[in-house]
C-alpha cells in the first residue's frame, strides 16, 4: 500500500449547503411541498423559528432565516448552482414538481456529457439542477 502524502490532505465525508433565506416559513414550504424534501429538524430560539435542516434521500440542506443585518435588499443565490444527482426518472420527477406548483427554468434536457437534467430557482434565487448524472 502506498504511503499517504504528508502533510495529510483534507478528507471530507459530506457537504451540507446552508442557504440564508428571506422568509424561513416560505422556504421550508417550498422545499417540502414543491420539491419533496422532509423536515429533519427545526431550530428555534425563544420560540422563534430561525432555521431548518431538510433532507432528500442522502442529501441535506440547511435553511437559515436572514437577520437582515446586511440589509433587506441583499441578493441571494447569485453565482451558485446546486447540481443534485438522483436515480429517479427525471421526466416523472419534473412533472411531479410542476403538479405541486413548481416552475422549471429548464425543462428536462439531454446534455452532451450524458446526463438528463432540469432546473429551477428557489424563492431566494438559489439555482438547483436535478440530474440523472453522467451515464
C-alpha atoms as a PDB file:
ATOM      1  CA  UNK A   1       0.000   0.000   0.000  1.00  0.00           C
ATOM      2  CA  UNK A   2       1.246   3.444  -0.906  1.00  0.00           C
ATOM      3  CA  UNK A   3       2.012   5.819   1.978  1.00  0.00           C
ATOM      4  CA  UNK A   4      -0.218   8.859   2.291  1.00  0.00           C
ATOM      5  CA  UNK A   5       1.299  12.146   1.229  1.00  0.00           C
ATOM      6  CA  UNK A   6       2.290  14.425   4.072  1.00  0.00           C
ATOM      7  CA  UNK A   7       1.051  16.764   5.217  1.00  0.00           C
ATOM      8  CA  UNK A   8      -2.212  14.839   5.229  1.00  0.00           C
ATOM      9  CA  UNK A   9      -4.784  16.097   2.712  1.00  0.00           C
ATOM     10  CA  UNK A  10      -8.328  17.113   3.594  1.00  0.00           C
ATOM     11  CA  UNK A  11     -10.834  14.242   3.563  1.00  0.00           C
ATOM     12  CA  UNK A  12     -14.489  15.225   3.927  1.00  0.00           C
ATOM     13  CA  UNK A  13     -17.429  12.853   4.402  1.00  0.00           C
ATOM     14  CA  UNK A  14     -20.357  15.080   3.448  1.00  0.00           C
ATOM     15  CA  UNK A  15     -21.294  18.581   2.412  1.00  0.00           C
ATOM     16  CA  UNK A  16     -24.351  20.377   3.742  1.00  0.00           C
ATOM     17  CA  UNK A  17     -25.059  23.670   1.939  1.00  0.00           C
ATOM     18  CA  UNK A  18     -26.662  26.371   4.061  1.00  0.00           C
ATOM     19  CA  UNK A  19     -28.933  28.973   2.492  1.00  0.00           C
ATOM     20  CA  UNK A  20     -29.699  32.272   4.179  1.00  0.00           C
ATOM     21  CA  UNK A  21     -33.331  32.983   3.283  1.00  0.00           C
ATOM     22  CA  UNK A  22     -35.686  35.959   3.479  1.00  0.00           C
ATOM     23  CA  UNK A  23     -38.692  34.034   4.819  1.00  0.00           C
ATOM     24  CA  UNK A  24     -37.899  30.782   6.610  1.00  0.00           C
ATOM     25  CA  UNK A  25     -41.531  29.580   6.590  1.00  0.00           C
ATOM     26  CA  UNK A  26     -41.883  30.173   2.833  1.00  0.00           C
ATOM     27  CA  UNK A  27     -38.576  28.431   2.111  1.00  0.00           C
ATOM     28  CA  UNK A  28     -39.443  25.411   4.252  1.00  0.00           C
ATOM     29  CA  UNK A  29     -42.816  25.167   2.490  1.00  0.00           C
ATOM     30  CA  UNK A  30     -41.214  25.379  -0.982  1.00  0.00           C
ATOM     31  CA  UNK A  31     -38.589  22.716  -0.311  1.00  0.00           C
ATOM     32  CA  UNK A  32     -41.116  20.442   1.426  1.00  0.00           C
ATOM     33  CA  UNK A  33     -44.268  20.950  -0.664  1.00  0.00           C
ATOM     34  CA  UNK A  34     -42.800  21.626  -4.108  1.00  0.00           C
ATOM     35  CA  UNK A  35     -39.547  19.657  -4.208  1.00  0.00           C
ATOM     36  CA  UNK A  36     -40.446  16.919  -1.736  1.00  0.00           C
ATOM     37  CA  UNK A  37     -37.799  17.366   0.979  1.00  0.00           C
ATOM     38  CA  UNK A  38     -38.628  16.255   4.510  1.00  0.00           C
ATOM     39  CA  UNK A  39     -38.038  18.477   7.527  1.00  0.00           C
ATOM     40  CA  UNK A  40     -35.434  16.676   9.640  1.00  0.00           C
ATOM     41  CA  UNK A  41     -35.078  19.374  12.297  1.00  0.00           C
ATOM     42  CA  UNK A  42     -36.276  22.884  13.058  1.00  0.00           C
ATOM     43  CA  UNK A  43     -34.102  25.305  15.027  1.00  0.00           C
ATOM     44  CA  UNK A  44     -35.806  27.782  17.336  1.00  0.00           C
ATOM     45  CA  UNK A  45     -34.639  30.384  19.786  1.00  0.00           C
ATOM     46  CA  UNK A  46     -37.048  31.839  22.335  1.00  0.00           C
ATOM     47  CA  UNK A  47     -39.968  30.349  20.401  1.00  0.00           C
ATOM     48  CA  UNK A  48     -38.926  31.909  17.073  1.00  0.00           C
ATOM     49  CA  UNK A  49     -38.129  29.675  14.092  1.00  0.00           C
ATOM     50  CA  UNK A  50     -34.619  30.540  12.870  1.00  0.00           C
ATOM     51  CA  UNK A  51     -33.681  27.587  10.695  1.00  0.00           C
ATOM     52  CA  UNK A  52     -34.256  24.068   9.483  1.00  0.00           C
ATOM     53  CA  UNK A  53     -32.334  21.018   8.370  1.00  0.00           C
ATOM     54  CA  UNK A  54     -34.065  19.426   5.401  1.00  0.00           C
ATOM     55  CA  UNK A  55     -33.419  16.069   3.715  1.00  0.00           C
ATOM     56  CA  UNK A  56     -33.977  14.425   0.349  1.00  0.00           C
ATOM     57  CA  UNK A  57     -32.504  10.942   0.207  1.00  0.00           C
ATOM     58  CA  UNK A  58     -28.909  11.174   1.459  1.00  0.00           C
ATOM     59  CA  UNK A  59     -28.696  14.921   0.751  1.00  0.00           C
ATOM     60  CA  UNK A  60     -29.207  17.533   3.477  1.00  0.00           C
ATOM     61  CA  UNK A  61     -29.532  21.313   3.241  1.00  0.00           C
ATOM     62  CA  UNK A  62     -29.739  23.915   5.977  1.00  0.00           C
ATOM     63  CA  UNK A  63     -32.067  26.894   5.745  1.00  0.00           C
ATOM     64  CA  UNK A  64     -31.357  29.914   7.946  1.00  0.00           C
ATOM     65  CA  UNK A  65     -33.527  32.983   8.463  1.00  0.00           C
ATOM     66  CA  UNK A  66     -31.708  36.158   7.380  1.00  0.00           C
ATOM     67  CA  UNK A  67     -31.381  38.635  10.253  1.00  0.00           C
ATOM     68  CA  UNK A  68     -31.177  41.417   7.628  1.00  0.00           C
ATOM     69  CA  UNK A  69     -28.117  42.933   9.341  1.00  0.00           C
ATOM     70  CA  UNK A  70     -26.662  43.431   5.830  1.00  0.00           C
ATOM     71  CA  UNK A  71     -29.897  44.997   4.555  1.00  0.00           C
ATOM     72  CA  UNK A  72     -33.182  43.649   3.257  1.00  0.00           C
ATOM     73  CA  UNK A  73     -32.166  44.062  -0.381  1.00  0.00           C
ATOM     74  CA  UNK A  74     -29.159  41.705  -0.176  1.00  0.00           C
ATOM     75  CA  UNK A  75     -29.143  39.422  -3.237  1.00  0.00           C
ATOM     76  CA  UNK A  76     -29.010  35.719  -2.559  1.00  0.00           C
ATOM     77  CA  UNK A  77     -28.207  32.791  -4.809  1.00  0.00           C
ATOM     78  CA  UNK A  78     -26.227  34.751  -7.391  1.00  0.00           C
ATOM     79  CA  UNK A  79     -23.495  32.671  -8.957  1.00  0.00           C
ATOM     80  CA  UNK A  80     -24.452  29.455  -7.182  1.00  0.00           C
ATOM     81  CA  UNK A  81     -25.993  26.332  -8.676  1.00  0.00           C
ATOM     82  CA  UNK A  82     -26.505  23.100  -6.785  1.00  0.00           C
ATOM     83  CA  UNK A  83     -26.235  20.173  -9.162  1.00  0.00           C
ATOM     84  CA  UNK A  84     -28.092  17.317  -7.454  1.00  0.00           C
ATOM     85  CA  UNK A  85     -27.926  13.752  -8.769  1.00  0.00           C
ATOM     86  CA  UNK A  86     -30.762  11.228  -8.445  1.00  0.00           C
ATOM     87  CA  UNK A  87     -31.550   7.734  -9.650  1.00  0.00           C
ATOM     88  CA  UNK A  88     -35.197   8.717 -10.179  1.00  0.00           C
ATOM     89  CA  UNK A  89     -36.829   9.223 -13.569  1.00  0.00           C
ATOM     90  CA  UNK A  90     -36.126  12.871 -14.414  1.00  0.00           C
ATOM     91  CA  UNK A  91     -39.238  13.388 -16.524  1.00  0.00           C
ATOM     92  CA  UNK A  92     -41.564  11.956 -13.870  1.00  0.00           C
ATOM     93  CA  UNK A  93     -39.833  13.980 -11.159  1.00  0.00           C
ATOM     94  CA  UNK A  94     -40.134  17.212 -13.161  1.00  0.00           C
ATOM     95  CA  UNK A  95     -43.817  16.509 -13.857  1.00  0.00           C
ATOM     96  CA  UNK A  96     -44.496  15.898 -10.140  1.00  0.00           C
ATOM     97  CA  UNK A  97     -42.765  19.167  -9.215  1.00  0.00           C
ATOM     98  CA  UNK A  98     -44.845  21.062 -11.800  1.00  0.00           C
ATOM     99  CA  UNK A  99     -48.031  19.411 -10.443  1.00  0.00           C
ATOM    100  CA  UNK A 100     -47.131  20.691  -6.972  1.00  0.00           C
ATOM    101  CA  UNK A 101     -46.793  24.247  -8.281  1.00  0.00           C
ATOM    102  CA  UNK A 102     -43.093  24.325  -9.085  1.00  0.00           C
ATOM    103  CA  UNK A 103     -41.828  26.272 -12.067  1.00  0.00           C
ATOM    104  CA  UNK A 104     -38.891  24.916 -14.030  1.00  0.00           C
ATOM    105  CA  UNK A 105     -36.336  27.274 -15.532  1.00  0.00           C
ATOM    106  CA  UNK A 106     -35.157  24.430 -17.769  1.00  0.00           C
ATOM    107  CA  UNK A 107     -37.305  21.525 -18.874  1.00  0.00           C
ATOM    108  CA  UNK A 108     -35.776  18.019 -18.773  1.00  0.00           C
ATOM    109  CA  UNK A 109     -32.942  18.070 -21.281  1.00  0.00           C
ATOM    110  CA  UNK A 110     -30.386  15.545 -22.528  1.00  0.00           C
ATOM    111  CA  UNK A 111     -26.920  17.027 -22.022  1.00  0.00           C
ATOM    112  CA  UNK A 112     -23.916  16.310 -24.260  1.00  0.00           C
ATOM    113  CA  UNK A 113     -21.993  14.861 -21.279  1.00  0.00           C
ATOM    114  CA  UNK A 114     -24.551  12.050 -20.924  1.00  0.00           C
ATOM    115  CA  UNK A 115     -26.824  13.419 -18.209  1.00  0.00           C
ATOM    116  CA  UNK A 116     -30.507  14.336 -18.354  1.00  0.00           C
ATOM    117  CA  UNK A 117     -31.467  17.215 -16.096  1.00  0.00           C
ATOM    118  CA  UNK A 118     -33.890  20.041 -15.343  1.00  0.00           C
ATOM    119  CA  UNK A 119     -33.531  23.240 -13.353  1.00  0.00           C
ATOM    120  CA  UNK A 120     -35.467  25.584 -11.093  1.00  0.00           C
ATOM    121  CA  UNK A 121     -34.878  28.555  -8.792  1.00  0.00           C
ATOM    122  CA  UNK A 122     -35.902  28.599  -5.139  1.00  0.00           C
ATOM    123  CA  UNK A 123     -37.758  31.565  -3.572  1.00  0.00           C
ATOM    124  CA  UNK A 124     -34.457  33.327  -2.746  1.00  0.00           C
ATOM    125  CA  UNK A 125     -32.800  32.884  -6.126  1.00  0.00           C
ATOM    126  CA  UNK A 126     -30.704  29.768  -5.459  1.00  0.00           C
ATOM    127  CA  UNK A 127     -30.360  27.726  -8.663  1.00  0.00           C
ATOM    128  CA  UNK A 128     -30.959  23.988  -8.432  1.00  0.00           C
ATOM    129  CA  UNK A 129     -30.454  21.391 -11.146  1.00  0.00           C
ATOM    130  CA  UNK A 130     -31.602  17.812 -10.717  1.00  0.00           C
ATOM    131  CA  UNK A 131     -29.842  15.275 -12.887  1.00  0.00           C
ATOM    132  CA  UNK A 132     -29.580  11.578 -13.615  1.00  0.00           C
ATOM    133  CA  UNK A 133     -25.818  12.071 -13.586  1.00  0.00           C
ATOM    134  CA  UNK A 134     -23.422  11.031 -16.287  1.00  0.00           C
ATOM    135  CA  UNK A 135     -24.117   7.684 -17.949  1.00  0.00           C
END
